[in-house]
């Protein structure tokens, strides 16, 4: 996260936050304490009235600074430090930079640690100089009192800075985690769209490639079959282009999470099988059980069957294929088996994009997935998707 953006955000939150309402009663308490302490300390002085009035005015000024510290934190810190130094030198207030500590806490939440640490150093230096001058001007208070006052003037701003710095780090960590969460959601959404795009392109282009090859070989001897193949190519390409345009439109809208990508579900598997039959694969389809599954699960079932049948067209056609979808009250079982020529088992890694996509879809539901050649020949894809009735998965 950019430091400047974080500082701007913290400043905005300070100015718009509900905590500003707490600064007014805090300022009132600070003024009351300063006035009571000043009254007790000045009661024996011959110029009590004038000194007490000056103490009250200084306390009110410091209270106003604390009340507006979230609005103008840097200016408020300068004003608080200056007023506290003047009050210490003139001896009209015994506030060991309490107001400065409160304002410094706010500054440390909006400024970078380096700049706020410099501000802390400036406040400590000012307190030290003010204590030294006050001892020269008012030697009657003694060295012990001056040392104690100086120590308090150091500790209070340091404590205020530390509290603000810790609060800033906590907010930084929270903002960073939120940003990471948003990026993860966006990446997951883009991965979901990429998976959909892969399934659309692979299925459509696979059918087009097969039928184009058929049409090229029979164009002269069987023109009617060639024209039928071209019609299938035209229909498939139009459908694939329409789905691709919709998915790309989602990407142009920055892939807002929750974007509707609904595709045909279990009910669309029959149409899918018809298109595969037109590509030269004898498909035996069996769908059993209830079909009122959640939309997301129906899309997952459809895409797994689509990818498995597409692989049959690409790697085994012409052949026979049996696709079974069994929907039970707690799981969906999918099996696609072909009798095509033997082909090698997938590499020990994650496999191609199609296998990766199927594994990811199954993993979303905590199911099991397997794909590989059969001992009796051909290839088999099997998946089990557990689910809870009334939900989209686990």
Protein backbone atom coordinates (compact mmCIF):
# COMPACT_ATOMS: atom_id res chain seq x y z
CA UNK A 1 0.00 0.00 0.00
CA UNK A 2 1.28 3.46 -0.87
CA UNK A 3 2.31 5.56 2.15
CA UNK A 4 0.82 8.76 0.73
CA UNK A 5 -2.53 7.09 0.05
CA UNK A 6 -2.60 5.68 3.56
CA UNK A 7 -1.83 9.08 5.11
CA UNK A 8 -4.53 10.75 3.02
CA UNK A 9 -7.01 8.08 4.07
CA UNK A 10 -6.14 8.48 7.76
CA UNK A 11 -6.47 12.26 7.54
CA UNK A 12 -9.87 11.89 5.90
CA UNK A 13 -11.02 9.46 8.57
CA UNK A 14 -9.87 11.83 11.31
CA UNK A 15 -11.85 14.70 9.83
CA UNK A 16 -14.94 12.65 9.12
CA UNK A 17 -14.81 10.22 12.03
CA UNK A 18 -17.19 10.17 14.96
CA UNK A 19 -14.24 10.41 17.39
CA UNK A 20 -14.14 14.17 16.83
CA UNK A 21 -17.12 14.43 19.16
CA UNK A 22 -15.00 13.01 22.00
CA UNK A 23 -12.41 15.78 21.71
CA UNK A 24 -14.74 18.45 23.08
CA UNK A 25 -15.43 16.79 26.47
CA UNK A 26 -11.75 15.81 26.63
CA UNK A 27 -10.78 19.44 26.11
CA UNK A 28 -13.26 20.52 28.81
CA UNK A 29 -11.74 18.07 31.31
CA UNK A 30 -8.22 19.29 30.47
CA UNK A 31 -9.22 22.93 30.97
CA UNK A 32 -10.93 22.16 34.28
CA UNK A 33 -7.90 20.28 35.64
CA UNK A 34 -5.50 23.03 34.55
CA UNK A 35 -7.65 25.73 36.13
CA UNK A 36 -7.99 23.88 39.45
CA UNK A 37 -4.26 23.18 39.62
CA UNK A 38 -3.41 26.78 38.71
CA UNK A 39 -5.77 28.10 41.39
CA UNK A 40 -4.09 26.00 44.07
CA UNK A 41 -0.57 26.92 42.94
CA UNK A 42 -1.20 30.65 42.59
CA UNK A 43 -3.34 31.29 45.69
CA UNK A 44 -0.41 32.63 47.75
CA UNK A 45 0.93 35.00 45.09
CA UNK A 46 0.25 38.72 45.53
CA UNK A 47 -0.80 39.05 41.88
CA UNK A 48 -3.22 36.14 42.15
CA UNK A 49 -6.07 37.68 40.16
CA UNK A 50 -3.95 38.61 37.15
CA UNK A 51 -1.94 35.36 37.20
CA UNK A 52 -5.08 33.23 37.60
CA UNK A 53 -6.74 35.03 34.69
CA UNK A 54 -3.70 34.36 32.53
CA UNK A 55 -3.75 30.71 33.61
CA UNK A 56 -7.43 30.39 32.72
CA UNK A 57 -6.93 31.97 29.29
CA UNK A 58 -3.95 29.69 28.57
CA UNK A 59 -5.89 26.61 29.69
CA UNK A 60 -8.83 27.56 27.46
CA UNK A 61 -6.47 28.09 24.52
CA UNK A 62 -4.92 24.66 25.06
CA UNK A 63 -8.39 23.15 25.32
CA UNK A 64 -9.38 24.68 22.00
CA UNK A 65 -6.25 23.24 20.41
CA UNK A 66 -7.13 19.77 21.69
CA UNK A 67 -10.71 20.17 20.44
CA UNK A 68 -9.54 20.82 16.86
CA UNK A 69 -6.56 18.44 16.81
CA UNK A 70 -8.25 16.06 14.35
CA UNK A 71 -9.06 18.87 11.98
CA UNK A 72 -5.59 20.40 11.76
CA UNK A 73 -3.19 18.00 13.55
CA UNK A 74 0.11 19.63 12.47
CA UNK A 75 -0.97 23.19 13.25
CA UNK A 76 -2.53 22.05 16.50
CA UNK A 77 0.75 20.45 17.59
CA UNK A 78 2.70 23.61 16.90
CA UNK A 79 0.18 25.71 18.82
CA UNK A 80 0.04 23.29 21.78
CA UNK A 81 3.84 23.11 22.12
CA UNK A 82 4.21 26.88 21.87
CA UNK A 83 1.46 27.61 24.44
CA UNK A 84 2.86 25.02 26.86
CA UNK A 85 6.36 26.51 26.60
CA UNK A 86 5.10 30.06 27.18
CA UNK A 87 2.99 28.91 30.14
CA UNK A 88 5.97 27.11 31.67
CA UNK A 89 8.32 30.08 31.27
CA UNK A 90 5.81 32.61 32.65
CA UNK A 91 4.77 30.30 35.47
CA UNK A 92 1.03 30.67 34.88
CA UNK A 93 0.32 26.99 34.18
CA UNK A 94 1.61 23.70 35.52
CA UNK A 95 0.61 21.54 32.58
CA UNK A 96 3.65 19.34 31.72
CA UNK A 97 2.77 19.24 28.01
CA UNK A 98 -0.41 17.14 28.51
CA UNK A 99 -2.17 18.94 25.67
CA UNK A 100 0.92 18.48 23.48
CA UNK A 101 0.87 14.74 24.20
CA UNK A 102 -2.79 14.48 23.14
CA UNK A 103 -2.17 16.32 19.89
CA UNK A 104 1.06 14.40 19.23
CA UNK A 105 -0.92 11.15 19.50
CA UNK A 106 -3.14 12.36 16.65
CA UNK A 107 -0.15 13.48 14.57
CA UNK A 108 1.50 10.07 14.97
CA UNK A 109 -1.58 8.36 13.52
CA UNK A 110 -1.58 10.40 10.29
CA UNK A 111 2.11 11.14 9.72
CA UNK A 112 4.82 8.67 8.76
CA UNK A 113 6.89 7.36 11.70
CA UNK A 114 9.91 9.37 10.58
CA UNK A 115 8.06 12.70 10.46
CA UNK A 116 6.14 12.09 13.68
CA UNK A 117 9.40 11.07 15.44
CA UNK A 118 10.93 14.40 14.36
CA UNK A 119 7.88 16.15 15.80
CA UNK A 120 8.37 14.26 19.07
CA UNK A 121 12.02 15.29 19.18
CA UNK A 122 11.05 18.91 18.64
CA UNK A 123 8.51 18.78 21.48
CA UNK A 124 11.01 17.19 23.88
CA UNK A 125 13.64 19.78 22.98
CA UNK A 126 11.14 22.60 23.50
CA UNK A 127 10.12 21.17 26.88
CA UNK A 128 13.76 20.96 27.97
CA UNK A 129 14.48 24.55 27.00
CA UNK A 130 11.27 25.76 28.65
CA UNK A 131 12.15 23.94 31.87
CA UNK A 132 15.64 25.46 31.91
CA UNK A 133 14.35 28.98 31.31
CA UNK A 134 11.60 28.52 33.92
CA UNK A 135 14.21 27.52 36.50
CA UNK A 136 16.16 30.69 35.76
CA UNK A 137 13.08 32.91 35.87
CA UNK A 138 11.47 31.19 38.89
CA UNK A 139 14.33 29.79 41.00
CA UNK A 140 12.08 29.51 44.04
CA UNK A 141 10.64 26.21 42.83
CA UNK A 142 13.95 24.40 43.27
CA UNK A 143 15.98 22.04 41.14
CA UNK A 144 14.02 18.94 42.22
CA UNK A 145 10.73 20.45 41.04
CA UNK A 146 12.31 21.49 37.75
CA UNK A 147 13.72 18.00 37.16
CA UNK A 148 10.37 16.36 37.95
CA UNK A 149 8.50 18.79 35.70
CA UNK A 150 10.98 18.20 32.86
CA UNK A 151 10.72 14.42 33.23
CA UNK A 152 6.94 14.65 33.03
CA UNK A 153 7.23 16.91 30.01
CA UNK A 154 9.35 14.24 28.33
CA UNK A 155 7.29 11.20 29.29
CA UNK A 156 3.86 12.55 28.39
CA UNK A 157 4.68 13.47 24.75
CA UNK A 158 6.63 10.23 24.37
CA UNK A 159 3.63 8.26 25.64
CA UNK A 160 1.29 10.15 23.32
CA UNK A 161 3.55 9.51 20.33
CA UNK A 162 3.86 5.80 21.17
CA UNK A 163 0.08 5.41 21.47
CA UNK A 164 -0.46 7.14 18.13
CA UNK A 165 2.29 5.13 16.45
CA UNK A 166 0.83 1.81 17.65
CA UNK A 167 -2.63 2.88 16.50
CA UNK A 168 -1.22 3.80 13.10
CA UNK A 169 0.50 0.41 12.75
CA UNK A 170 -2.71 -1.35 13.70
CA UNK A 171 -4.66 0.60 11.08
CA UNK A 172 -1.91 0.01 8.50
CA UNK A 173 -2.06 -3.75 9.09
CA UNK A 174 -5.85 -3.73 8.88
CA UNK A 175 -5.79 -1.72 5.64
CA UNK A 176 -3.10 -3.98 4.18
CA UNK A 177 -5.07 -7.12 5.00
CA UNK A 178 -8.20 -5.59 3.50
CA UNK A 179 -6.32 -4.68 0.34
CA UNK A 180 -4.87 -8.19 0.10
CA UNK A 181 -8.35 -9.64 0.59
CA UNK A 182 -9.75 -7.44 -2.19
CA UNK A 183 -6.92 -8.47 -4.52
CA UNK A 184 -7.46 -12.13 -3.70
CA UNK A 185 -11.18 -11.83 -4.43
CA UNK A 186 -10.41 -10.12 -7.74
CA UNK A 187 -7.81 -12.77 -8.64
CA UNK A 188 -10.24 -15.57 -7.80
CA UNK A 189 -12.90 -13.92 -9.91
CA UNK A 190 -10.54 -13.56 -12.86
CA UNK A 191 -9.49 -17.18 -12.46
CA UNK A 192 -13.13 -18.21 -12.53
CA UNK A 193 -13.69 -16.23 -15.72
CA UNK A 194 -10.51 -17.63 -17.26
CA UNK A 195 -11.76 -21.12 -16.48
CA UNK A 196 -15.09 -20.35 -18.15
CA UNK A 197 -13.32 -18.86 -21.16
CA UNK A 198 -11.08 -21.91 -21.51
CA UNK A 199 -14.06 -24.27 -21.40
CA UNK A 200 -15.96 -22.24 -24.01
CA UNK A 201 -13.00 -21.94 -26.40
CA UNK A 202 -11.80 -25.53 -25.99
CA UNK A 203 -15.21 -27.07 -26.56
CA UNK A 204 -16.15 -24.83 -29.49
CA UNK A 205 -12.81 -24.90 -31.25
CA UNK A 206 -12.48 -28.66 -30.71
CA UNK A 207 -15.76 -29.34 -32.47
CA UNK A 208 -14.95 -26.88 -35.22
CA UNK A 209 -11.55 -28.49 -35.84
CA UNK A 210 -13.03 -31.99 -36.09
CA UNK A 211 -15.89 -31.03 -38.38
CA UNK A 212 -13.61 -28.85 -40.54
CA UNK A 213 -11.36 -31.87 -41.08
CA UNK A 214 -14.37 -34.02 -41.99
CA UNK A 215 -15.73 -31.43 -44.40
CA UNK A 216 -12.35 -31.08 -46.09
CA UNK A 217 -12.13 -34.82 -46.77
CA UNK A 218 -15.69 -35.38 -48.02
CA UNK A 219 -16.36 -32.05 -49.73
CA UNK A 220 -16.11 -33.53 -53.24
CA UNK A 221 -17.54 -37.02 -52.77
CA UNK A 222 -20.30 -36.27 -50.26
CA UNK A 223 -21.19 -32.58 -50.54
CA UNK A 224 -24.37 -32.91 -48.43
CA UNK A 225 -22.44 -34.20 -45.45
CA UNK A 226 -19.85 -31.49 -45.99
CA UNK A 227 -22.57 -28.83 -45.93
CA UNK A 228 -23.98 -30.36 -42.75
CA UNK A 229 -20.53 -30.17 -41.18
CA UNK A 230 -20.19 -26.53 -42.22
CA UNK A 231 -23.59 -25.73 -40.71
CA UNK A 232 -22.44 -27.27 -37.42
CA UNK A 233 -19.22 -25.23 -37.62
CA UNK A 234 -21.24 -22.06 -38.17
CA UNK A 235 -23.58 -22.73 -35.24
CA UNK A 236 -20.80 -23.74 -32.87
CA UNK A 237 -18.61 -20.75 -33.75
CA UNK A 238 -21.48 -18.31 -33.25
CA UNK A 239 -22.33 -19.78 -29.85
CA UNK A 240 -18.68 -19.73 -28.78
CA UNK A 241 -18.23 -16.13 -29.94
CA UNK A 242 -21.36 -15.03 -28.07
CA UNK A 243 -20.10 -16.59 -24.83
CA UNK A 244 -16.61 -15.16 -25.32
CA UNK A 245 -17.99 -11.65 -25.86
CA UNK A 246 -20.02 -11.89 -22.65
CA UNK A 247 -17.04 -13.08 -20.64
CA UNK A 248 -14.77 -10.39 -22.09
CA UNK A 249 -17.39 -7.79 -21.25
CA UNK A 250 -17.23 -8.95 -17.63
CA UNK A 251 -13.43 -8.51 -17.71
CA UNK A 252 -13.79 -4.99 -19.12
CA UNK A 253 -16.00 -4.15 -16.13
CA UNK A 254 -13.03 -5.08 -13.89
CA UNK A 255 -14.53 -8.44 -13.02
CA UNK A 256 -16.86 -7.34 -10.26
CA UNK A 257 -17.25 -10.22 -7.77
CA UNK A 258 -20.61 -11.88 -8.03
CA UNK A 259 -21.02 -11.13 -11.74
CA UNK A 260 -23.54 -13.47 -13.28
CA UNK A 261 -21.78 -16.09 -15.37
CA UNK A 262 -24.65 -18.56 -15.34
CA UNK A 263 -24.40 -21.26 -18.05
CA UNK A 264 -26.59 -24.22 -18.95
CA UNK A 265 -26.81 -26.66 -16.08
CA UNK A 266 -27.70 -30.33 -15.90
CA UNK A 267 -30.58 -29.76 -18.30
CA UNK A 268 -28.18 -28.57 -20.99
CA UNK A 269 -26.06 -31.72 -21.01
CA UNK A 270 -28.35 -33.37 -23.58
CA UNK A 271 -27.74 -30.52 -26.05
CA UNK A 272 -24.04 -30.85 -25.33
CA UNK A 273 -24.17 -34.55 -26.14
CA UNK A 274 -25.97 -33.84 -29.43
CA UNK A 275 -23.19 -31.50 -30.55
CA UNK A 276 -20.59 -34.11 -29.66
CA UNK A 277 -22.52 -36.78 -31.61
CA UNK A 278 -22.43 -34.46 -34.61
CA UNK A 279 -18.63 -34.44 -34.30
CA UNK A 280 -18.51 -38.22 -34.83
CA UNK A 281 -18.66 -39.60 -31.29
CA UNK A 282 -21.40 -42.04 -30.30
CA UNK A 283 -22.52 -40.67 -26.94
CA UNK A 284 -24.59 -42.72 -24.53
CA UNK A 285 -25.92 -40.27 -21.95
CA UNK A 286 -27.58 -41.21 -18.65
CA UNK A 287 -28.75 -38.52 -16.21
CA UNK A 288 -30.52 -39.79 -13.12
CA UNK A 289 -31.79 -38.33 -9.87
CA UNK A 290 -33.09 -34.90 -8.96
CA UNK A 291 -32.04 -31.92 -11.05
CA UNK A 292 -32.95 -29.03 -8.71
CA UNK A 293 -29.35 -28.38 -7.77
CA UNK A 294 -27.93 -24.93 -6.92
CA UNK A 295 -27.00 -22.92 -10.02
CA UNK A 296 -23.28 -22.89 -9.20
CA UNK A 297 -23.22 -26.67 -8.77
CA UNK A 298 -25.19 -27.21 -11.99
CA UNK A 299 -22.66 -25.08 -13.85
CA UNK A 300 -19.82 -27.12 -12.35
CA UNK A 301 -21.42 -30.41 -13.44
CA UNK A 302 -22.05 -29.05 -16.93
CA UNK A 303 -18.46 -27.81 -17.35
CA UNK A 304 -16.89 -31.05 -16.14
CA UNK A 305 -18.98 -33.10 -18.58
CA UNK A 306 -18.27 -30.57 -21.33
CA UNK A 307 -14.50 -30.71 -20.81
CA UNK A 308 -14.49 -34.51 -20.62
CA UNK A 309 -16.50 -34.85 -23.85
CA UNK A 310 -14.32 -32.25 -25.56
CA UNK A 311 -11.24 -34.32 -24.70
CA UNK A 312 -12.94 -37.37 -26.22
CA UNK A 313 -13.57 -35.43 -29.45
CA UNK A 314 -10.00 -34.10 -29.55
CA UNK A 315 -8.12 -37.26 -28.62
CA UNK A 316 -10.30 -40.31 -29.39
CA UNK A 317 -12.89 -39.55 -32.10
CA UNK A 318 -14.41 -41.36 -33.79
CA UNK A 319 -15.34 -43.63 -30.87
CA UNK A 320 -18.07 -44.58 -28.45
CA UNK A 321 -18.50 -42.73 -25.18
CA UNK A 322 -20.68 -43.23 -22.12
CA UNK A 323 -21.47 -40.23 -19.90
CA UNK A 324 -23.23 -40.79 -16.59
CA UNK A 325 -24.49 -38.13 -14.20
CA UNK A 326 -26.11 -39.41 -11.00
CA UNK A 327 -27.65 -36.83 -8.68
CA UNK A 328 -28.32 -38.09 -5.15
CA UNK A 329 -29.54 -36.10 -2.12
CA UNK A 330 -26.00 -35.43 -0.91
CA UNK A 331 -23.64 -35.79 -3.89
CA UNK A 332 -23.32 -35.70 -7.65
CA UNK A 333 -21.35 -38.46 -9.36
CA UNK A 334 -19.98 -37.92 -12.86
CA UNK A 335 -18.32 -40.50 -15.08
CA UNK A 336 -17.27 -40.13 -18.72
CA UNK A 337 -15.74 -43.26 -20.30
CA UNK A 338 -14.71 -43.76 -23.93
CA UNK A 339 -13.57 -46.77 -25.96
CA UNK A 340 -11.08 -44.86 -28.08
CA UNK A 341 -7.49 -45.65 -28.79
CA UNK A 342 -5.21 -45.86 -25.80
CA UNK A 343 -3.50 -42.60 -24.92
CA UNK A 344 -0.85 -41.95 -22.29
CA UNK A 345 -1.72 -41.15 -18.73
CA UNK A 346 -1.33 -37.52 -17.69
CA UNK A 347 2.06 -36.43 -16.42
CA UNK A 348 2.68 -36.50 -12.65
CA UNK A 349 2.09 -32.73 -12.55
CA UNK A 350 -1.25 -30.92 -12.61
CA UNK A 351 -1.91 -31.85 -16.29
CA UNK A 352 -3.24 -29.62 -19.02
CA UNK A 353 -5.54 -26.65 -18.56
CA UNK A 354 -8.62 -28.83 -18.98
CA UNK A 355 -7.62 -31.24 -16.21
CA UNK A 356 -6.57 -28.32 -14.00
CA UNK A 357 -9.95 -26.68 -14.51
CA UNK A 358 -11.85 -29.86 -13.66
CA UNK A 359 -9.72 -30.48 -10.55
CA UNK A 360 -10.26 -26.90 -9.37
CA UNK A 361 -14.01 -27.12 -9.86
CA UNK A 362 -14.16 -30.38 -7.92
CA UNK A 363 -11.87 -29.02 -5.18
CA UNK A 364 -14.25 -26.11 -4.61
CA UNK A 365 -16.79 -28.63 -3.30
CA UNK A 366 -14.29 -30.82 -1.46
CA UNK A 367 -14.92 -33.69 -3.86
CA UNK A 368 -12.75 -36.31 -5.52
CA UNK A 369 -11.49 -36.38 -9.12
CA UNK A 370 -9.60 -38.92 -11.23
CA UNK A 371 -8.66 -39.11 -14.89
CA UNK A 372 -6.59 -41.67 -16.76
CA UNK A 373 -6.50 -44.57 -19.22
CA UNK A 374 -8.47 -47.72 -18.52
CA UNK A 375 -6.90 -51.17 -18.39
CA UNK A 376 -9.36 -52.46 -21.01
CA UNK A 377 -8.67 -49.50 -23.30
CA UNK A 378 -9.99 -46.00 -23.66
CA UNK A 379 -10.03 -43.25 -21.09
CA UNK A 380 -12.10 -42.51 -18.00
CA UNK A 381 -12.90 -39.31 -16.12
CA UNK A 382 -14.68 -39.58 -12.75
CA UNK A 383 -15.71 -36.89 -10.30
CA UNK A 384 -17.76 -36.80 -7.11
CA UNK A 385 -19.19 -33.51 -5.83
CA UNK A 386 -20.65 -33.58 -2.31
CA UNK A 387 -23.08 -30.82 -1.42
CA UNK A 388 -25.58 -29.80 1.21
CA UNK A 389 -29.18 -29.40 0.14
CA UNK A 390 -30.05 -25.72 0.07
CA UNK A 391 -26.40 -24.54 -0.40
CA UNK A 392 -23.96 -24.20 -3.25
CA UNK A 393 -21.23 -26.32 -1.73
CA UNK A 394 -19.02 -26.47 1.24
